[in-house]
Amino acid sequence: MSGHGFHVHGPHDHELEHAAQGHGGEHTNSIAMFTAIIATVGALFGYMGGATQANAGLYKNNAAIKKTEASNQWNYYQAKSSKQNLSELAMELTPAKKDFYQDEIKRYKGEKAEIKAAAEKLEAESKHWDEQSDEQMHQHHRWAQATTVLQVAIAMAAIALLSKKKWLEFVMYGAGAVGVVVGVLAALHI
C-alpha cells in the first residue's frame, strides 16, 4: 500500500479477505456437500454396475454350459437314430430276425423321445440363462451411464468452484439430477 491511497491486492489476498468477510463460504460449502453426496451415490452406482456385470458373465457361462449339455443330448439322440436306422436295415436284410429288430426299433424310438425331451429342456434353460444375462447387461449399462453422468457432475462442481461461474453450478446440479434419475431407472430395471 502506498501513501497516496493506491492499494494493490494479489488474487490470493482478495480471496482471503472475501472468505474472511463471509462471502463465498456458503457457496463453497454447498458445492463441497453436493460433491460429497454425488461421489457417494456414484460409488454405490459403480458397485451395482460391477455386480450386474459379474452376474451377466455368470449367467452367460450358465447358458453356455446348458447349451453344451443340450448339444451332447442331441448327439446322443443322433446316435440312437443311427442305431434305429441300422436295425431297420437289418430287419430288411434278415427277415428271420424281424421280431427282434422291430423290438429294437421300438426301443430306440422310445429312448429318442426321452433324449429329445431332455435336449429341448436344456435348450430352454440355456435360453433362459441367456435372457437373464442380457437383462443384467442392460442393467449394467444403466448403472454405468448413471455413474458416468455423476462423474461429469463432480467435474462440473470442481470447475464451478474454481471459475465461480453460476451457470456451471446449474450444469452441475442438472447433471447430478440426471445421474440420479438414470440410477433410479437402473434400480427399477428400466
Protein backbone atom coordinates (compact mmCIF):
# COMPACT_ATOMS: atom_id res chain seq x y z
CA MET A 1 0.00 0.00 0.00
CA SER A 2 1.32 3.39 -0.90
CA GLY A 3 0.86 6.66 0.86
CA HIS A 4 -1.42 8.01 -1.88
CA GLY A 5 -4.31 5.56 -1.21
CA PHE A 6 -3.41 3.19 -4.02
CA HIS A 7 -3.59 -0.41 -2.88
CA VAL A 8 -2.78 -3.49 -4.98
CA HIS A 9 -4.21 -6.88 -3.97
CA GLY A 10 -2.97 -10.19 -5.20
CA PRO A 11 -5.62 -12.77 -6.16
CA HIS A 12 -4.88 -14.80 -3.06
CA ASP A 13 -5.22 -11.75 -0.76
CA HIS A 14 -8.55 -10.88 -2.32
CA GLU A 15 -9.89 -14.42 -1.81
CA LEU A 16 -8.75 -14.48 1.81
CA GLU A 17 -10.43 -11.13 2.52
CA HIS A 18 -13.54 -12.30 0.67
CA ALA A 19 -13.69 -15.54 2.68
CA ALA A 20 -12.99 -13.71 5.94
CA GLN A 21 -15.96 -11.42 5.30
CA GLY A 22 -18.17 -14.48 4.84
CA HIS A 23 -18.64 -14.15 1.08
CA GLY A 24 -18.47 -17.37 -0.87
CA GLY A 25 -18.22 -19.64 2.15
CA GLU A 26 -21.77 -20.88 1.81
CA HIS A 27 -21.28 -21.22 -1.92
CA THR A 28 -18.15 -23.28 -1.43
CA ASN A 29 -19.78 -25.39 1.27
CA SER A 30 -22.83 -26.19 -0.86
CA ILE A 31 -20.67 -27.28 -3.79
CA ALA A 32 -18.46 -29.36 -1.49
CA MET A 33 -21.52 -31.01 0.09
CA PHE A 34 -23.01 -31.69 -3.35
CA THR A 35 -19.73 -33.24 -4.48
CA ALA A 36 -19.52 -35.47 -1.41
CA ILE A 37 -23.10 -36.69 -1.78
CA ILE A 38 -22.83 -37.28 -5.53
CA ALA A 39 -19.49 -39.06 -5.08
CA THR A 40 -21.06 -41.39 -2.51
CA VAL A 41 -24.08 -42.11 -4.72
CA GLY A 42 -21.70 -42.62 -7.66
CA ALA A 43 -19.68 -45.14 -5.66
CA LEU A 44 -22.86 -47.10 -4.89
CA PHE A 45 -23.90 -46.98 -8.56
CA GLY A 46 -20.42 -48.13 -9.55
CA TYR A 47 -20.68 -51.09 -7.19
CA MET A 48 -24.08 -52.04 -8.60
CA GLY A 49 -22.70 -51.75 -12.13
CA GLY A 50 -19.87 -54.11 -11.28
CA ALA A 51 -22.22 -56.57 -9.60
CA THR A 52 -24.59 -56.68 -12.57
CA GLN A 53 -21.69 -57.12 -14.97
CA ALA A 54 -20.41 -60.06 -12.91
CA ASN A 55 -23.90 -61.58 -12.86
CA ALA A 56 -24.21 -61.18 -16.62
CA GLY A 57 -20.95 -63.09 -17.10
CA LEU A 58 -22.02 -65.82 -14.70
CA TYR A 59 -25.40 -66.19 -16.42
CA LYS A 60 -23.79 -66.28 -19.86
CA ASN A 61 -21.49 -69.04 -18.60
CA ASN A 62 -24.50 -70.99 -17.31
CA ALA A 63 -26.15 -70.57 -20.72
CA ALA A 64 -23.06 -71.95 -22.45
CA ILE A 65 -22.95 -74.95 -20.10
CA LYS A 66 -26.61 -75.74 -20.74
CA LYS A 67 -26.11 -75.29 -24.49
CA THR A 68 -23.22 -77.78 -24.38
CA GLU A 69 -25.30 -80.25 -22.39
CA ALA A 70 -28.12 -79.87 -24.94
CA SER A 71 -25.65 -80.45 -27.77
CA ASN A 72 -24.48 -83.62 -26.04
CA GLN A 73 -28.09 -84.80 -25.79
CA TRP A 74 -28.66 -84.09 -29.50
CA ASN A 75 -25.53 -86.10 -30.33
CA TYR A 76 -26.87 -88.94 -28.21
CA TYR A 77 -30.22 -88.62 -30.00
CA GLN A 78 -28.41 -88.84 -33.35
CA ALA A 79 -26.56 -91.97 -32.21
CA LYS A 80 -29.87 -93.60 -31.26
CA SER A 81 -31.28 -92.59 -34.67
CA SER A 82 -28.34 -94.27 -36.37
CA LYS A 83 -28.88 -97.45 -34.35
CA GLN A 84 -32.58 -97.34 -35.21
CA ASN A 85 -31.73 -96.97 -38.91
CA LEU A 86 -29.31 -99.88 -38.72
CA SER A 87 -31.99 -102.01 -37.04
CA GLU A 88 -34.44 -101.09 -39.80
CA LEU A 89 -31.87 -102.09 -42.43
CA ALA A 90 -31.01 -105.32 -40.58
CA MET A 91 -34.72 -106.18 -40.38
CA GLU A 92 -34.94 -105.92 -44.17
CA LEU A 93 -31.77 -107.94 -44.70
CA THR A 94 -32.55 -110.70 -42.19
CA PRO A 95 -36.29 -111.42 -42.24
CA ALA A 96 -35.81 -114.30 -39.81
CA LYS A 97 -34.95 -111.84 -37.02
CA LYS A 98 -37.73 -109.40 -37.92
CA ASP A 99 -39.37 -109.57 -34.45
CA PHE A 100 -36.06 -108.88 -32.71
CA TYR A 101 -35.31 -105.85 -34.88
CA GLN A 102 -38.87 -104.50 -34.54
CA ASP A 103 -38.42 -104.56 -30.75
CA GLU A 104 -35.07 -102.80 -31.15
CA ILE A 105 -36.62 -100.15 -33.38
CA LYS A 106 -39.42 -99.60 -30.85
CA ARG A 107 -36.88 -99.32 -28.02
CA TYR A 108 -34.77 -96.79 -29.94
CA LYS A 109 -37.84 -94.70 -30.75
CA GLY A 110 -38.76 -94.59 -27.03
CA GLU A 111 -35.22 -93.70 -25.98
CA LYS A 112 -35.05 -90.99 -28.65
CA ALA A 113 -38.26 -89.41 -27.36
CA GLU A 114 -36.78 -89.17 -23.83
CA ILE A 115 -33.46 -87.84 -25.14
CA LYS A 116 -35.24 -85.26 -27.33
CA ALA A 117 -37.28 -84.03 -24.35
CA ALA A 118 -34.10 -83.70 -22.26
CA ALA A 119 -32.29 -81.83 -25.05
CA GLU A 120 -35.21 -79.42 -25.54
CA LYS A 121 -35.37 -78.80 -21.79
CA LEU A 122 -31.64 -77.99 -21.72
CA GLU A 123 -32.03 -75.65 -24.69
CA ALA A 124 -34.85 -73.84 -22.88
CA GLU A 125 -32.65 -73.50 -19.79
CA SER A 126 -29.83 -72.14 -21.96
CA LYS A 127 -32.19 -69.60 -23.49
CA HIS A 128 -33.39 -68.57 -20.02
CA TRP A 129 -29.80 -68.00 -18.83
CA ASP A 130 -29.05 -66.00 -21.99
CA GLU A 131 -32.07 -63.79 -21.35
CA GLN A 132 -31.00 -63.31 -17.72
CA SER A 133 -27.52 -62.35 -18.91
CA ASP A 134 -28.92 -59.85 -21.41
CA GLU A 135 -31.10 -58.30 -18.71
CA GLN A 136 -28.13 -57.97 -16.37
CA MET A 137 -26.03 -56.37 -19.13
CA HIS A 138 -28.81 -53.86 -19.82
CA GLN A 139 -28.93 -53.04 -16.14
CA HIS A 140 -25.12 -52.84 -16.03
CA HIS A 141 -25.20 -50.29 -18.86
CA ARG A 142 -27.76 -48.22 -16.94
CA TRP A 143 -25.57 -48.25 -13.82
CA ALA A 144 -22.54 -47.29 -15.93
CA GLN A 145 -24.45 -44.44 -17.57
CA ALA A 146 -25.59 -43.16 -14.18
CA THR A 147 -22.07 -43.36 -12.78
CA THR A 148 -20.62 -41.54 -15.78
CA VAL A 149 -23.14 -38.69 -15.55
CA LEU A 150 -22.40 -38.35 -11.82
CA GLN A 151 -18.68 -38.17 -12.59
CA VAL A 152 -19.42 -35.37 -15.05
CA ALA A 153 -21.42 -33.61 -12.32
CA ILE A 154 -18.43 -33.87 -9.96
CA ALA A 155 -16.12 -32.47 -12.64
CA MET A 156 -18.58 -29.61 -13.24
CA ALA A 157 -18.59 -28.94 -9.48
CA ALA A 158 -14.82 -28.57 -9.46
CA ILE A 159 -14.90 -26.27 -12.48
CA ALA A 160 -17.77 -24.22 -10.99
CA LEU A 161 -15.87 -23.86 -7.74
CA LEU A 162 -12.69 -22.76 -9.46
CA SER A 163 -14.29 -20.49 -12.05
CA LYS A 164 -17.10 -19.17 -9.84
CA LYS A 165 -19.43 -19.33 -12.83
CA LYS A 166 -23.04 -19.60 -11.70
CA TRP A 167 -24.18 -21.27 -14.93
CA LEU A 168 -21.74 -24.12 -14.29
CA GLU A 169 -23.46 -24.75 -10.98
CA PHE A 170 -26.73 -25.23 -12.86
CA VAL A 171 -24.96 -27.69 -15.17
CA MET A 172 -23.51 -29.44 -12.12
CA TYR A 173 -26.89 -29.77 -10.38
CA GLY A 174 -28.58 -30.77 -13.63
CA ALA A 175 -26.01 -33.48 -14.36
CA GLY A 176 -26.32 -34.74 -10.78
CA ALA A 177 -30.09 -34.95 -11.11
CA VAL A 178 -29.87 -36.75 -14.46
CA GLY A 179 -27.35 -39.22 -13.00
CA VAL A 180 -29.61 -39.98 -10.04
CA VAL A 181 -32.63 -40.44 -12.35
CA VAL A 182 -30.68 -42.87 -14.57
CA GLY A 183 -29.61 -44.73 -11.42
CA VAL A 184 -33.22 -44.99 -10.31
CA LEU A 185 -34.09 -46.38 -13.76
CA ALA A 186 -31.35 -48.97 -13.30
CA ALA A 187 -32.69 -49.90 -9.86
CA LEU A 188 -36.18 -50.29 -11.36
CA HIS A 189 -34.79 -52.46 -14.21
CA ILE A 190 -35.93 -49.97 -16.85
